[in-house]
Amino acid sequence: MAETPVCYPGAADQARLLASGTTTAAELLATTEHRLGSLREVFTDVDLAAARRSAEEADRRLARGERGALLGLPLAVEDSLPHSASGVLTAAGAVVVGRTSAAERHRNPSPALPATLLDPRVSGTAVAVSSGVVSAVLARRAPGAGRVPAGAAGVVGYEASGGAGVLARSVTDVSHVLTGLGWQAKPSDRPLRIGVSLRGVSMTTRTRAPMRRAVEDVAALLSMHANEVVDHDPHLASESRLLLAPHLTAGRRELELLGKVVPTPFRGLCRSLRAAERVMLDQMFAGVDVLVTPGYTGPAETMALPGGVLVRNGATTPFAPLWRVSGYPAVSVRASWDADGNPLPVTVIAVPAAEGALLGVARIIEEEEEVHRRP
């Protein structure tokens, strides 16, 4: 069978292959270098000499019987994170190939999408993972792979409280990387109260029928796993509570800097807006542990072009603030497909106390999607 991205082992499978002696870190890195040849632009910095040294050291440690979740795995760090993040991976034994681009200028490489779809631009980070160049990437704002939710880009994006996260091929792979970094939170030991929101934080949000059905199917699925699922669409936006557009797309770091760059007379207003946004977002999670939302309003809009179809995945803005501004943990995973074969992702957000439950919820969704995957 010809090699395709579907054939690429993820982080957990690569670790098993290394532990069993079926492959070596040097061989995995050689495969990475081969795939990197046609995708060099998805990286802003590559240091193959250092990666080869790390692979050689990993193989020596493996030969001595040492084992580690990340030992010998080819991984990368998104350029949105500080350089110290590479040191975290290196300390865990990973082979760090370089830094991936957070810029949204790359075509969606998801192997699950029809070849005729000229999909929207995604980040270099998503391309590096989906195309099998590396098995996972540490990234900021991982649930959103550029403007496209990670679930629509053929990967799973998980973000812990505070902003740093992991993009990998599957929920199992994300969990594997988190375990290797010592980040894994304790799973929930009780049924969850799960809220379902189809509305986002904008009065004008209108979730289209295929995406609505996908979210409703996820809600029904989660209710079968002893969770309490409730509609949770509080009226957060009204004429008396308006959010400024910059705040809707900003992250915590940008919001913290906002008071330093705006003119002094407006700083009080900015602080008031931030306080109002915090109240509104906290209300969104009142009475629930986890919130399930559409990845975007979806489904994708298509436009016929010579040689294929241009796909525009709809607006992400109505739902992105829930995890971008709040700093709450979140995960994006593909939940279904529409009639035209376009992926329908959901984003699941949790309060910090329920962070450990997120990947469990995502795993249920992913396993169901795998069962019903189209031919």
Protein backbone atom coordinates (compact mmCIF):
# COMPACT_ATOMS: atom_id res chain seq x y z
CA MET A 1 0.00 0.00 0.00
CA ALA A 2 1.30 3.45 -0.88
CA GLU A 3 2.33 5.63 2.03
CA THR A 4 -0.31 8.21 2.89
CA PRO A 5 -0.84 10.35 5.98
CA VAL A 6 -3.43 7.84 7.17
CA CYS A 7 -0.64 5.29 7.54
CA TYR A 8 1.53 7.47 9.78
CA PRO A 9 1.75 6.23 13.37
CA GLY A 10 0.86 8.81 15.99
CA ALA A 11 2.80 9.63 19.14
CA ALA A 12 1.47 6.71 21.21
CA ASP A 13 2.14 4.15 18.43
CA GLN A 14 5.61 5.55 17.79
CA ALA A 15 6.44 5.17 21.48
CA ARG A 16 5.32 1.52 21.39
CA LEU A 17 7.43 0.86 18.30
CA LEU A 18 10.47 2.36 20.00
CA ALA A 19 9.91 0.45 23.24
CA SER A 20 9.60 -2.87 21.37
CA GLY A 21 12.71 -2.23 19.29
CA THR A 22 10.72 -2.34 16.05
CA THR A 23 12.18 1.02 15.06
CA THR A 24 14.73 3.52 16.34
CA ALA A 25 14.69 7.23 17.01
CA ALA A 26 17.16 7.69 14.13
CA GLU A 27 14.79 5.90 11.75
CA LEU A 28 11.83 7.98 12.87
CA LEU A 29 13.86 11.14 12.37
CA ALA A 30 14.95 9.98 8.89
CA THR A 31 11.27 9.57 7.97
CA THR A 32 10.58 13.02 9.37
CA GLU A 33 13.37 14.52 7.27
CA HIS A 34 11.95 12.85 4.15
CA ARG A 35 8.47 14.27 4.73
CA LEU A 36 9.89 17.64 5.70
CA GLY A 37 11.44 18.03 2.26
CA SER A 38 8.19 19.14 0.60
CA LEU A 39 6.80 20.90 3.67
CA ARG A 40 9.74 22.99 4.84
CA GLU A 41 7.62 26.15 4.70
CA VAL A 42 5.45 25.00 7.63
CA PHE A 43 8.48 25.52 9.90
CA THR A 44 10.01 28.86 10.80
CA ASP A 45 13.12 27.22 12.23
CA VAL A 46 14.60 23.75 11.73
CA ASP A 47 17.72 22.36 13.42
CA LEU A 48 18.27 18.89 12.01
CA ALA A 49 21.84 18.66 13.33
CA ALA A 50 20.60 19.05 16.90
CA ALA A 51 17.74 16.67 16.17
CA ARG A 52 20.16 14.00 14.94
CA ARG A 53 22.22 14.34 18.11
CA SER A 54 19.07 14.00 20.20
CA ALA A 55 17.99 10.92 18.22
CA GLU A 56 21.40 9.27 18.74
CA GLU A 57 21.24 9.96 22.46
CA ALA A 58 17.67 8.63 22.63
CA ASP A 59 18.73 5.40 20.91
CA ARG A 60 21.58 4.94 23.39
CA ARG A 61 19.16 5.39 26.27
CA LEU A 62 16.64 3.01 24.73
CA ALA A 63 19.39 0.41 24.21
CA ARG A 64 20.19 0.67 27.94
CA GLY A 65 16.59 -0.19 28.72
CA GLU A 66 15.38 3.31 29.54
CA ARG A 67 11.79 4.12 28.71
CA GLY A 68 9.87 7.37 28.54
CA ALA A 69 6.64 8.50 26.94
CA LEU A 70 8.43 11.01 24.72
CA LEU A 71 11.87 9.41 24.52
CA GLY A 72 12.92 9.41 20.85
CA LEU A 73 9.70 10.89 19.45
CA PRO A 74 10.04 13.54 16.69
CA LEU A 75 8.14 16.58 18.02
CA ALA A 76 8.09 20.33 17.45
CA VAL A 77 7.14 23.60 19.15
CA GLU A 78 4.96 26.31 17.63
CA ASP A 79 6.68 29.68 17.20
CA SER A 80 3.95 31.30 19.32
CA LEU A 81 5.58 29.76 22.41
CA PRO A 82 8.86 30.90 23.99
CA HIS A 83 12.06 29.04 23.10
CA SER A 84 12.10 27.54 26.59
CA ALA A 85 9.26 25.24 25.48
CA SER A 86 11.74 23.34 23.31
CA GLY A 87 13.82 22.71 26.40
CA VAL A 88 10.83 21.13 28.12
CA LEU A 89 10.50 18.60 25.30
CA THR A 90 14.24 17.94 25.14
CA ALA A 91 14.34 17.29 28.89
CA ALA A 92 11.62 14.67 28.39
CA GLY A 93 13.79 12.90 25.79
CA ALA A 94 11.95 14.09 22.67
CA VAL A 95 13.72 14.79 19.39
CA VAL A 96 12.82 18.42 18.70
CA VAL A 97 12.85 19.06 14.95
CA GLY A 98 12.20 22.80 15.11
CA ARG A 99 9.54 25.47 15.44
CA THR A 100 6.35 25.36 13.40
CA SER A 101 4.58 28.39 11.97
CA ALA A 102 1.47 29.71 13.68
CA ALA A 103 0.73 31.73 10.53
CA GLU A 104 -2.48 30.83 8.70
CA ARG A 105 -1.14 30.52 5.17
CA HIS A 106 -1.19 26.79 4.48
CA ARG A 107 -3.72 24.52 2.82
CA ASN A 108 -5.58 22.05 5.00
CA PRO A 109 -3.72 18.74 4.48
CA SER A 110 -6.21 16.47 6.27
CA PRO A 111 -5.96 13.03 4.61
CA ALA A 112 -9.63 12.44 5.41
CA LEU A 113 -10.80 15.21 3.09
CA PRO A 114 -11.64 14.61 -0.58
CA ALA A 115 -8.75 15.38 -2.90
CA THR A 116 -10.92 17.80 -4.89
CA LEU A 117 -11.39 20.15 -1.95
CA LEU A 118 -9.07 23.16 -1.93
CA ASP A 119 -9.50 23.64 1.79
CA PRO A 120 -9.03 26.82 3.85
CA ARG A 121 -5.71 28.01 5.11
CA VAL A 122 -4.53 26.52 8.39
CA SER A 123 -1.46 27.04 10.53
CA GLY A 124 1.86 25.42 9.76
CA THR A 125 1.50 23.63 13.08
CA ALA A 126 -1.63 21.80 11.92
CA VAL A 127 0.05 20.87 8.63
CA ALA A 128 3.12 19.48 10.41
CA VAL A 129 0.96 17.14 12.48
CA SER A 130 -1.70 16.18 9.94
CA SER A 131 0.87 15.38 7.25
CA GLY A 132 2.95 13.23 9.62
CA VAL A 133 6.11 15.36 9.66
CA VAL A 134 6.01 15.23 13.46
CA SER A 135 3.72 13.27 15.75
CA ALA A 136 2.75 16.25 17.94
CA VAL A 137 3.43 19.94 18.50
CA LEU A 138 3.31 22.09 21.61
CA ALA A 139 1.24 25.13 20.69
CA ARG A 140 -0.61 28.14 22.00
CA ARG A 141 -4.37 28.25 21.34
CA ALA A 142 -4.21 24.66 20.20
CA PRO A 143 -7.99 24.15 19.69
CA GLY A 144 -7.82 26.61 16.79
CA ALA A 145 -5.39 25.51 14.07
CA GLY A 146 -5.20 28.98 12.57
CA ARG A 147 -8.65 30.19 11.58
CA VAL A 148 -9.79 26.59 11.16
CA PRO A 149 -10.69 24.57 14.28
CA ALA A 150 -8.25 21.74 14.89
CA GLY A 151 -11.02 19.18 14.42
CA ALA A 152 -11.56 20.45 10.87
CA ALA A 153 -7.85 20.24 10.08
CA GLY A 154 -7.56 16.53 10.75
CA VAL A 155 -5.96 16.88 14.20
CA VAL A 156 -6.99 17.19 17.84
CA GLY A 157 -6.13 20.41 19.63
CA TYR A 158 -6.03 20.51 23.44
CA GLU A 159 -5.33 23.61 25.53
CA ALA A 160 -4.75 23.49 29.27
CA SER A 161 -5.67 26.30 31.66
CA GLY A 162 -3.37 29.21 30.93
CA GLY A 163 -2.92 28.84 27.18
CA ALA A 164 -0.30 26.18 26.34
CA GLY A 165 -1.49 23.04 24.64
CA VAL A 166 -0.83 20.13 22.28
CA LEU A 167 -1.84 19.31 18.71
CA ALA A 168 -1.67 15.63 17.80
CA ARG A 169 -3.27 13.08 15.50
CA SER A 170 -5.77 11.73 18.08
CA VAL A 171 -7.01 12.16 21.62
CA THR A 172 -4.88 9.16 22.63
CA ASP A 173 -1.81 10.89 21.20
CA VAL A 174 -2.60 14.13 23.02
CA SER A 175 -2.98 12.20 26.29
CA HIS A 176 0.32 10.43 25.62
CA VAL A 177 2.21 13.69 25.15
CA LEU A 178 0.60 15.24 28.22
CA THR A 179 1.61 12.22 30.28
CA GLY A 180 5.19 12.53 29.05
CA LEU A 181 5.24 16.17 30.14
CA GLY A 182 3.58 15.48 33.47
CA TRP A 183 0.66 17.73 32.52
CA GLN A 184 -2.15 15.20 32.64
CA ALA A 185 -4.97 16.23 34.95
CA LYS A 186 -6.92 13.71 37.02
CA PRO A 187 -9.98 12.38 35.16
CA SER A 188 -13.39 13.11 36.58
CA ASP A 189 -14.65 10.51 39.06
CA ARG A 190 -18.30 11.54 38.79
CA PRO A 191 -20.89 12.16 36.08
CA LEU A 192 -20.55 15.57 34.48
CA ARG A 193 -23.12 18.27 33.97
CA ILE A 194 -22.61 19.16 30.31
CA GLY A 195 -24.06 22.28 28.76
CA VAL A 196 -24.75 22.56 25.04
CA SER A 197 -24.59 25.98 23.41
CA LEU A 198 -25.43 26.62 19.78
CA ARG A 199 -25.46 30.36 20.15
CA GLY A 200 -22.03 31.56 21.22
CA VAL A 201 -21.58 35.06 22.60
CA SER A 202 -23.19 36.98 19.76
CA MET A 203 -26.88 37.74 19.31
CA THR A 204 -26.46 37.33 15.55
CA THR A 205 -24.96 33.84 15.64
CA ARG A 206 -26.97 31.36 13.59
CA THR A 207 -25.64 27.82 13.62
CA ARG A 208 -26.57 26.06 10.39
CA ALA A 209 -28.49 22.81 10.29
CA PRO A 210 -25.66 20.25 9.65
CA MET A 211 -23.50 21.68 12.43
CA ARG A 212 -26.51 21.91 14.73
CA ARG A 213 -27.27 18.23 14.11
CA ALA A 214 -23.63 17.29 14.77
CA VAL A 215 -23.67 19.06 18.14
CA GLU A 216 -27.04 17.55 19.03
CA ASP A 217 -25.70 14.08 18.16
CA VAL A 218 -22.71 14.70 20.43
CA ALA A 219 -25.07 15.77 23.22
CA ALA A 220 -27.11 12.58 22.84
CA LEU A 221 -23.92 10.49 22.81
CA LEU A 222 -22.59 12.07 25.99
CA SER A 223 -25.91 11.60 27.76
CA MET A 224 -25.57 7.86 27.14
CA HIS A 225 -22.36 7.88 29.18
CA ALA A 226 -24.07 8.78 32.47
CA ASN A 227 -23.62 12.51 32.00
CA GLU A 228 -26.36 15.09 32.52
CA VAL A 229 -26.72 17.12 29.34
CA VAL A 230 -28.65 20.40 29.35
CA ASP A 231 -29.32 23.23 26.93
CA HIS A 232 -27.17 26.14 28.05
CA ASP A 233 -27.77 29.21 25.91
CA PRO A 234 -27.88 32.19 28.28
CA HIS A 235 -28.45 35.56 26.63
CA LEU A 236 -24.97 36.92 27.14
CA ALA A 237 -25.03 39.62 24.48
CA SER A 238 -27.62 42.38 24.48
CA GLU A 239 -27.86 46.05 23.65
CA SER A 240 -26.62 46.90 27.12
CA ARG A 241 -23.71 44.44 26.95
CA LEU A 242 -21.67 44.97 23.84
CA LEU A 243 -18.26 43.43 23.30
CA LEU A 244 -15.63 45.22 21.25
CA ALA A 245 -14.42 43.24 18.24
CA PRO A 246 -10.71 43.31 19.28
CA HIS A 247 -11.63 41.65 22.55
CA LEU A 248 -13.41 38.84 20.75
CA THR A 249 -10.29 37.66 18.98
CA ALA A 250 -7.69 38.58 21.60
CA GLY A 251 -6.03 36.14 23.95
CA ARG A 252 -5.15 36.61 27.59
CA ARG A 253 -1.71 37.99 26.79
CA GLU A 254 -3.11 40.61 24.42
CA LEU A 255 -5.74 41.62 26.96
CA GLU A 256 -3.09 42.03 29.65
CA LEU A 257 -1.10 44.31 27.34
CA LEU A 258 -4.14 46.30 26.29
CA GLY A 259 -4.02 48.65 29.26
CA LYS A 260 -0.41 49.57 28.45
CA VAL A 261 -0.87 50.56 24.82
CA VAL A 262 -4.17 52.44 24.76
CA PRO A 263 -4.27 56.16 25.62
CA THR A 264 -4.60 56.87 29.32
CA PRO A 265 -8.15 58.33 29.12
CA PHE A 266 -9.43 55.00 27.70
CA ARG A 267 -7.73 52.63 30.12
CA GLY A 268 -10.57 52.75 32.60
CA LEU A 269 -13.00 51.85 29.83
CA CYS A 270 -10.83 48.90 28.80
CA ARG A 271 -10.71 47.65 32.38
CA SER A 272 -14.49 47.92 32.60
CA LEU A 273 -14.89 45.99 29.34
CA ARG A 274 -12.58 43.25 30.55
CA ALA A 275 -14.51 42.98 33.81
CA ALA A 276 -17.81 42.80 31.90
CA GLU A 277 -16.43 40.11 29.62
CA ARG A 278 -15.28 38.07 32.60
CA VAL A 279 -18.78 38.25 34.12
CA MET A 280 -20.34 37.22 30.82
CA LEU A 281 -18.00 34.30 30.31
CA ASP A 282 -18.41 33.13 33.90
CA GLN A 283 -22.17 33.18 33.37
CA MET A 284 -21.68 30.96 30.35
CA PHE A 285 -20.36 28.23 32.65
CA ALA A 286 -22.73 28.77 35.57
CA GLY A 287 -24.05 25.40 36.69
CA VAL A 288 -22.09 23.27 34.21
CA ASP A 289 -18.73 21.49 34.27
CA VAL A 290 -18.26 21.29 30.51
CA LEU A 291 -19.67 23.25 27.58
CA VAL A 292 -20.04 21.78 24.07
CA THR A 293 -20.18 24.27 21.19
CA PRO A 294 -19.90 24.10 17.40
CA GLY A 295 -16.37 24.48 16.11
CA TYR A 296 -17.80 27.15 13.83
CA THR A 297 -21.23 28.13 12.58
CA GLY A 298 -20.72 25.76 9.61
CA PRO A 299 -21.06 23.83 7.48
CA ALA A 300 -18.38 24.92 5.10
CA GLU A 301 -19.37 27.17 2.24
CA THR A 302 -18.09 26.02 -1.14
CA MET A 303 -17.24 27.79 -4.36
CA ALA A 304 -16.54 25.95 -7.63
CA LEU A 305 -13.09 26.65 -9.08
CA PRO A 306 -11.14 25.09 -11.96
CA GLY A 307 -9.70 21.81 -10.72
CA GLY A 308 -11.61 21.65 -7.47
CA VAL A 309 -13.75 23.34 -4.90
CA LEU A 310 -12.73 26.15 -2.56
CA VAL A 311 -14.03 25.51 0.93
CA ARG A 312 -14.66 28.30 3.41
CA ASN A 313 -15.28 26.89 6.83
CA GLY A 314 -17.55 29.63 8.14
CA ALA A 315 -16.97 32.08 10.98
CA THR A 316 -15.15 30.90 14.09
CA THR A 317 -15.50 34.20 15.94
CA PRO A 318 -18.88 33.57 17.64
CA PHE A 319 -17.44 30.68 19.63
CA ALA A 320 -13.69 31.34 19.84
CA PRO A 321 -13.96 33.87 22.74
CA LEU A 322 -15.18 31.17 25.09
CA TRP A 323 -11.74 29.58 25.27
CA ARG A 324 -9.53 32.39 23.97
CA VAL A 325 -10.58 35.09 26.42
CA SER A 326 -11.52 32.96 29.41
CA GLY A 327 -8.28 30.98 29.53
CA TYR A 328 -10.37 27.91 30.35
CA PRO A 329 -9.12 24.52 29.11
CA ALA A 330 -10.55 23.45 25.75
CA VAL A 331 -10.31 20.75 23.11
CA SER A 332 -11.33 20.65 19.43
CA VAL A 333 -12.17 17.33 17.81
CA ARG A 334 -13.92 16.27 14.61
CA ALA A 335 -17.42 14.99 15.41
CA SER A 336 -19.06 14.31 12.05
CA TRP A 337 -19.25 15.09 8.33
CA ASP A 338 -21.80 16.97 6.30
CA ALA A 339 -23.41 15.61 3.13
CA ASP A 340 -20.63 17.07 0.97
CA GLY A 341 -17.85 15.41 2.94
CA ASN A 342 -16.77 18.47 4.94
CA PRO A 343 -15.67 17.83 8.55
CA LEU A 344 -17.85 19.19 11.35
CA PRO A 345 -15.76 19.82 14.48
CA VAL A 346 -16.95 20.58 17.98
CA THR A 347 -15.12 22.54 20.64
CA VAL A 348 -15.46 21.44 24.24
CA ILE A 349 -14.59 23.89 27.02
CA ALA A 350 -14.36 23.10 30.74
CA VAL A 351 -14.04 25.04 33.95
CA PRO A 352 -10.52 24.61 35.39
CA ALA A 353 -11.77 22.24 38.08
CA ALA A 354 -13.01 19.88 35.36
CA GLU A 355 -9.90 20.07 33.17
CA GLY A 356 -9.22 16.37 33.55
CA ALA A 357 -12.64 15.52 32.13
CA LEU A 358 -12.02 17.23 28.79
CA LEU A 359 -9.98 14.53 27.11
CA GLY A 360 -12.39 11.88 28.36
CA VAL A 361 -15.26 13.70 26.65
CA ALA A 362 -13.18 14.21 23.50
CA ARG A 363 -12.27 10.52 23.42
CA ILE A 364 -15.95 9.52 23.50
CA ILE A 365 -16.65 11.88 20.58
CA GLU A 366 -13.65 10.69 18.57
CA GLU A 367 -14.43 7.01 19.07
CA GLU A 368 -17.99 7.53 17.86
CA GLU A 369 -16.76 9.46 14.82
CA GLU A 370 -14.38 6.62 13.99
CA VAL A 371 -17.23 4.10 14.12
CA HIS A 372 -19.30 6.14 11.67
CA ARG A 373 -16.42 7.38 9.50
CA ARG A 374 -17.48 7.57 5.89
CA PRO A 375 -15.75 5.16 3.43
